[in-house]
Amino acid sequence: MFNNLQGRTGTLFEERFKRKQITDDKYLKDLVCYINNNPVKHNFVKDTKDYYWTSYHSHISKKDTNIKRDIVIDMFDDVDNFKYVHATKSNFDDIEDFLFEEN
């Protein structure tokens, strides 16, 4: 319906998103932080923990979840370090150039 009203075709986010294969643990760890800190970067919130709609809360919670919490937390050694890294690593300019493969 939206496409018809706007004279568009395809998906709503056509040609906006790309992908890149994750090839090492460091990149995956940086990517987890980048994704969870994105709301801070774009000034939606001042702190990652204040944004409800990321996986950050699922990772630090003890509630049941479908995410691979233990795998992610192990990359950061423990929950406390996961929180620390998210609180201190907020400049991701160096990773943005490597987020997507060139077509």
N, C-alpha and C. Protein backbone atom coordinates (compact mmCIF):
# COMPACT_ATOMS: atom_id res chain seq x y z
N MET A 1 0.82 -1.18 0.00
CA MET A 1 0.00 0.00 0.00
C MET A 1 0.88 1.27 0.00
N PHE A 2 1.91 1.30 0.88
CA PHE A 2 2.79 2.46 0.93
C PHE A 2 3.46 2.68 -0.43
N ASN A 3 3.92 1.58 -1.04
CA ASN A 3 4.57 1.70 -2.35
C ASN A 3 3.62 2.29 -3.39
N ASN A 4 2.38 1.84 -3.39
CA ASN A 4 1.40 2.37 -4.35
C ASN A 4 1.16 3.85 -4.13
N LEU A 5 1.01 4.24 -2.88
CA LEU A 5 0.77 5.65 -2.57
C LEU A 5 1.94 6.54 -2.95
N GLN A 6 3.16 6.00 -2.82
CA GLN A 6 4.37 6.79 -3.06
C GLN A 6 4.97 6.56 -4.45
N GLY A 7 4.34 5.69 -5.25
CA GLY A 7 4.86 5.40 -6.58
C GLY A 7 6.19 4.65 -6.53
N ARG A 8 6.34 3.80 -5.52
CA ARG A 8 7.59 3.04 -5.33
C ARG A 8 7.39 1.60 -5.75
N THR A 9 8.53 0.88 -5.89
CA THR A 9 8.50 -0.55 -6.14
C THR A 9 9.47 -1.23 -5.18
N GLY A 10 9.32 -2.53 -5.04
CA GLY A 10 10.25 -3.30 -4.22
C GLY A 10 10.04 -3.10 -2.73
N THR A 11 11.05 -3.48 -1.97
CA THR A 11 10.95 -3.36 -0.53
C THR A 11 11.06 -1.90 -0.12
N LEU A 12 10.59 -1.62 1.06
CA LEU A 12 10.60 -0.25 1.55
C LEU A 12 12.03 0.27 1.67
N PHE A 13 12.97 -0.61 2.03
CA PHE A 13 14.36 -0.20 2.22
C PHE A 13 15.24 -0.63 1.04
N GLU A 14 14.69 -0.64 -0.14
CA GLU A 14 15.39 -1.07 -1.34
C GLU A 14 16.72 -0.32 -1.51
N GLU A 15 17.78 -1.08 -1.73
CA GLU A 15 19.13 -0.58 -2.01
C GLU A 15 19.73 0.23 -0.87
N ARG A 16 19.18 0.17 0.31
CA ARG A 16 19.74 0.94 1.41
C ARG A 16 20.72 0.10 2.24
N PHE A 17 20.45 -1.19 2.39
CA PHE A 17 21.26 -2.03 3.24
C PHE A 17 22.14 -2.96 2.43
N LYS A 18 23.34 -3.17 2.92
CA LYS A 18 24.28 -4.11 2.31
C LYS A 18 24.72 -5.05 3.40
N ARG A 19 25.59 -6.00 3.06
CA ARG A 19 26.05 -6.95 4.05
C ARG A 19 27.52 -7.25 3.85
N LYS A 20 28.14 -7.77 4.89
CA LYS A 20 29.53 -8.18 4.84
C LYS A 20 29.70 -9.38 5.74
N GLN A 21 30.43 -10.35 5.28
CA GLN A 21 30.67 -11.55 6.07
C GLN A 21 31.60 -11.21 7.23
N ILE A 22 31.27 -11.72 8.39
CA ILE A 22 32.11 -11.53 9.57
C ILE A 22 33.16 -12.65 9.56
N THR A 23 34.42 -12.24 9.52
CA THR A 23 35.50 -13.22 9.32
C THR A 23 36.39 -13.42 10.54
N ASP A 24 36.26 -12.59 11.57
CA ASP A 24 37.09 -12.81 12.76
C ASP A 24 36.38 -12.29 14.00
N ASP A 25 36.85 -12.76 15.16
CA ASP A 25 36.20 -12.42 16.43
C ASP A 25 36.30 -10.94 16.78
N LYS A 26 37.42 -10.31 16.47
CA LYS A 26 37.57 -8.89 16.79
C LYS A 26 36.53 -8.07 16.04
N TYR A 27 36.35 -8.38 14.76
CA TYR A 27 35.36 -7.66 13.96
C TYR A 27 33.95 -7.87 14.53
N LEU A 28 33.64 -9.10 14.92
CA LEU A 28 32.33 -9.40 15.50
C LEU A 28 32.13 -8.62 16.80
N LYS A 29 33.14 -8.60 17.64
CA LYS A 29 33.06 -7.87 18.91
C LYS A 29 32.84 -6.37 18.67
N ASP A 30 33.61 -5.81 17.74
CA ASP A 30 33.44 -4.39 17.39
C ASP A 30 32.05 -4.12 16.83
N LEU A 31 31.56 -5.04 16.03
CA LEU A 31 30.25 -4.89 15.41
C LEU A 31 29.13 -4.92 16.44
N VAL A 32 29.23 -5.82 17.43
CA VAL A 32 28.24 -5.87 18.51
C VAL A 32 28.18 -4.52 19.22
N CYS A 33 29.34 -3.98 19.55
CA CYS A 33 29.39 -2.67 20.22
C CYS A 33 28.85 -1.57 19.31
N TYR A 34 29.22 -1.61 18.06
CA TYR A 34 28.76 -0.60 17.10
C TYR A 34 27.23 -0.60 17.02
N ILE A 35 26.65 -1.76 16.87
CA ILE A 35 25.19 -1.86 16.74
C ILE A 35 24.50 -1.38 18.01
N ASN A 36 24.98 -1.84 19.17
CA ASN A 36 24.34 -1.45 20.42
C ASN A 36 24.54 0.02 20.75
N ASN A 37 25.63 0.61 20.27
CA ASN A 37 25.90 2.03 20.55
C ASN A 37 25.38 2.98 19.47
N ASN A 38 24.79 2.43 18.43
CA ASN A 38 24.28 3.26 17.35
C ASN A 38 23.27 4.31 17.83
N PRO A 39 22.36 3.98 18.75
CA PRO A 39 21.43 5.01 19.24
C PRO A 39 22.14 6.16 19.95
N VAL A 40 23.27 5.89 20.58
CA VAL A 40 24.05 6.95 21.22
C VAL A 40 24.69 7.82 20.15
N LYS A 41 25.27 7.17 19.15
CA LYS A 41 25.92 7.91 18.07
C LYS A 41 24.97 8.88 17.39
N HIS A 42 23.72 8.46 17.22
CA HIS A 42 22.74 9.29 16.52
C HIS A 42 21.89 10.14 17.48
N ASN A 43 22.36 10.26 18.71
CA ASN A 43 21.76 11.14 19.72
C ASN A 43 20.31 10.81 20.07
N PHE A 44 19.93 9.54 19.99
CA PHE A 44 18.61 9.14 20.48
C PHE A 44 18.63 9.09 22.01
N VAL A 45 19.77 8.64 22.55
CA VAL A 45 19.97 8.54 24.00
C VAL A 45 21.40 8.93 24.31
N LYS A 46 21.69 9.17 25.58
CA LYS A 46 23.05 9.51 25.99
C LYS A 46 23.85 8.28 26.38
N ASP A 47 23.17 7.18 26.71
CA ASP A 47 23.83 5.96 27.17
C ASP A 47 23.16 4.75 26.55
N THR A 48 23.96 3.77 26.15
CA THR A 48 23.44 2.56 25.51
C THR A 48 22.35 1.90 26.34
N LYS A 49 22.53 1.85 27.63
CA LYS A 49 21.55 1.17 28.48
C LYS A 49 20.20 1.88 28.52
N ASP A 50 20.14 3.11 28.04
CA ASP A 50 18.88 3.85 28.02
C ASP A 50 18.02 3.56 26.79
N TYR A 51 18.56 2.81 25.83
CA TYR A 51 17.81 2.51 24.61
C TYR A 51 17.31 1.07 24.70
N TYR A 52 16.02 0.91 24.78
CA TYR A 52 15.41 -0.39 25.03
C TYR A 52 15.50 -1.35 23.84
N TRP A 53 15.55 -0.85 22.61
CA TRP A 53 15.36 -1.68 21.43
C TRP A 53 16.66 -2.22 20.82
N THR A 54 17.69 -2.42 21.61
CA THR A 54 18.88 -3.11 21.13
C THR A 54 19.00 -4.43 21.87
N SER A 55 19.92 -5.25 21.45
CA SER A 55 20.13 -6.54 22.13
C SER A 55 20.95 -6.37 23.41
N TYR A 56 21.41 -5.17 23.68
CA TYR A 56 22.23 -4.91 24.88
C TYR A 56 21.56 -5.47 26.13
N HIS A 57 20.29 -5.18 26.33
CA HIS A 57 19.59 -5.63 27.54
C HIS A 57 19.42 -7.14 27.57
N SER A 58 19.21 -7.75 26.43
CA SER A 58 19.10 -9.21 26.37
C SER A 58 20.43 -9.87 26.72
N HIS A 59 21.52 -9.23 26.33
CA HIS A 59 22.83 -9.80 26.62
C HIS A 59 23.17 -9.75 28.11
N ILE A 60 22.77 -8.71 28.79
CA ILE A 60 23.13 -8.58 30.21
C ILE A 60 22.07 -9.19 31.14
N SER A 61 20.93 -9.55 30.59
CA SER A 61 19.84 -10.09 31.38
C SER A 61 20.05 -11.58 31.66
N LYS A 62 19.32 -12.06 32.63
CA LYS A 62 19.30 -13.50 32.91
C LYS A 62 18.00 -14.14 32.42
N LYS A 63 17.13 -13.34 31.80
CA LYS A 63 15.86 -13.85 31.28
C LYS A 63 16.11 -14.74 30.06
N ASP A 64 15.17 -15.63 29.78
CA ASP A 64 15.25 -16.47 28.60
C ASP A 64 15.29 -15.62 27.34
N THR A 65 16.09 -16.06 26.37
CA THR A 65 16.21 -15.34 25.11
C THR A 65 16.61 -16.32 24.01
N ASN A 66 16.36 -15.95 22.78
CA ASN A 66 16.78 -16.76 21.64
C ASN A 66 18.17 -16.39 21.15
N ILE A 67 18.72 -15.29 21.64
CA ILE A 67 20.05 -14.89 21.19
C ILE A 67 21.10 -15.79 21.83
N LYS A 68 22.27 -15.84 21.24
CA LYS A 68 23.39 -16.65 21.74
C LYS A 68 24.17 -15.84 22.78
N ARG A 69 23.52 -15.56 23.89
CA ARG A 69 24.07 -14.70 24.93
C ARG A 69 25.44 -15.16 25.40
N ASP A 70 25.58 -16.44 25.71
CA ASP A 70 26.85 -16.94 26.26
C ASP A 70 28.01 -16.74 25.30
N ILE A 71 27.77 -16.93 24.02
CA ILE A 71 28.83 -16.75 23.02
C ILE A 71 29.28 -15.29 22.99
N VAL A 72 28.33 -14.38 23.00
CA VAL A 72 28.66 -12.96 22.93
C VAL A 72 29.36 -12.51 24.22
N ILE A 73 28.82 -12.87 25.36
CA ILE A 73 29.43 -12.46 26.63
C ILE A 73 30.83 -13.04 26.76
N ASP A 74 31.04 -14.26 26.30
CA ASP A 74 32.38 -14.87 26.35
C ASP A 74 33.39 -14.07 25.52
N MET A 75 32.95 -13.45 24.43
CA MET A 75 33.86 -12.63 23.63
C MET A 75 34.38 -11.45 24.45
N PHE A 76 33.58 -11.00 25.40
CA PHE A 76 33.94 -9.86 26.25
C PHE A 76 34.48 -10.31 27.61
N ASP A 77 34.63 -11.60 27.80
CA ASP A 77 35.09 -12.25 29.03
C ASP A 77 33.99 -12.43 30.06
N ASP A 78 33.22 -11.38 30.35
CA ASP A 78 32.12 -11.50 31.31
C ASP A 78 31.17 -10.31 31.13
N VAL A 79 30.05 -10.34 31.84
CA VAL A 79 29.03 -9.29 31.71
C VAL A 79 29.57 -7.92 32.11
N ASP A 80 30.37 -7.89 33.18
CA ASP A 80 30.92 -6.60 33.62
C ASP A 80 31.79 -5.96 32.55
N ASN A 81 32.61 -6.75 31.89
CA ASN A 81 33.45 -6.20 30.82
C ASN A 81 32.61 -5.82 29.61
N PHE A 82 31.57 -6.59 29.32
CA PHE A 82 30.64 -6.24 28.25
C PHE A 82 30.07 -4.84 28.49
N LYS A 83 29.61 -4.58 29.71
CA LYS A 83 29.08 -3.26 30.07
C LYS A 83 30.16 -2.19 29.97
N TYR A 84 31.34 -2.50 30.47
CA TYR A 84 32.44 -1.53 30.46
C TYR A 84 32.82 -1.13 29.04
N VAL A 85 32.98 -2.12 28.17
CA VAL A 85 33.36 -1.84 26.78
C VAL A 85 32.29 -1.00 26.09
N HIS A 86 31.04 -1.32 26.33
CA HIS A 86 29.96 -0.53 25.72
C HIS A 86 29.93 0.90 26.25
N ALA A 87 30.27 1.06 27.51
CA ALA A 87 30.25 2.39 28.12
C ALA A 87 31.43 3.24 27.67
N THR A 88 32.54 2.61 27.33
CA THR A 88 33.75 3.37 27.01
C THR A 88 34.06 3.44 25.53
N LYS A 89 33.55 2.51 24.75
CA LYS A 89 33.85 2.51 23.31
C LYS A 89 32.69 3.13 22.56
N SER A 90 32.82 4.39 22.25
CA SER A 90 31.72 5.07 21.58
C SER A 90 32.13 5.70 20.25
N ASN A 91 33.41 5.67 19.90
CA ASN A 91 33.85 6.22 18.62
C ASN A 91 34.09 5.08 17.64
N PHE A 92 33.19 4.95 16.69
CA PHE A 92 33.28 3.85 15.74
C PHE A 92 33.58 4.33 14.33
N ASP A 93 34.16 5.51 14.21
CA ASP A 93 34.50 6.02 12.89
C ASP A 93 35.44 5.08 12.16
N ASP A 94 36.34 4.41 12.92
CA ASP A 94 37.30 3.52 12.30
C ASP A 94 36.67 2.25 11.75
N ILE A 95 35.51 1.85 12.25
CA ILE A 95 34.87 0.62 11.77
C ILE A 95 33.88 0.89 10.65
N GLU A 96 33.33 2.08 10.55
CA GLU A 96 32.28 2.34 9.57
C GLU A 96 32.74 2.07 8.13
N ASP A 97 34.00 2.32 7.84
CA ASP A 97 34.50 2.08 6.49
C ASP A 97 34.54 0.59 6.14
N PHE A 98 34.50 -0.27 7.16
CA PHE A 98 34.62 -1.70 6.93
C PHE A 98 33.31 -2.46 7.14
N LEU A 99 32.21 -1.74 7.32
CA LEU A 99 30.94 -2.39 7.60
C LEU A 99 30.36 -3.13 6.40
N PHE A 100 30.57 -2.63 5.21
CA PHE A 100 29.92 -3.21 4.05
C PHE A 100 30.92 -3.48 2.94
N GLU A 101 30.69 -4.55 2.21
CA GLU A 101 31.52 -4.86 1.06
C GLU A 101 31.12 -3.96 -0.09
N GLU A 102 32.06 -3.64 -0.90
CA GLU A 102 31.77 -2.86 -2.12
C GLU A 102 31.13 -3.79 -3.14
N ASN A 103 30.19 -3.28 -3.90
CA ASN A 103 29.52 -4.08 -4.95
C ASN A 103 30.31 -4.04 -6.22
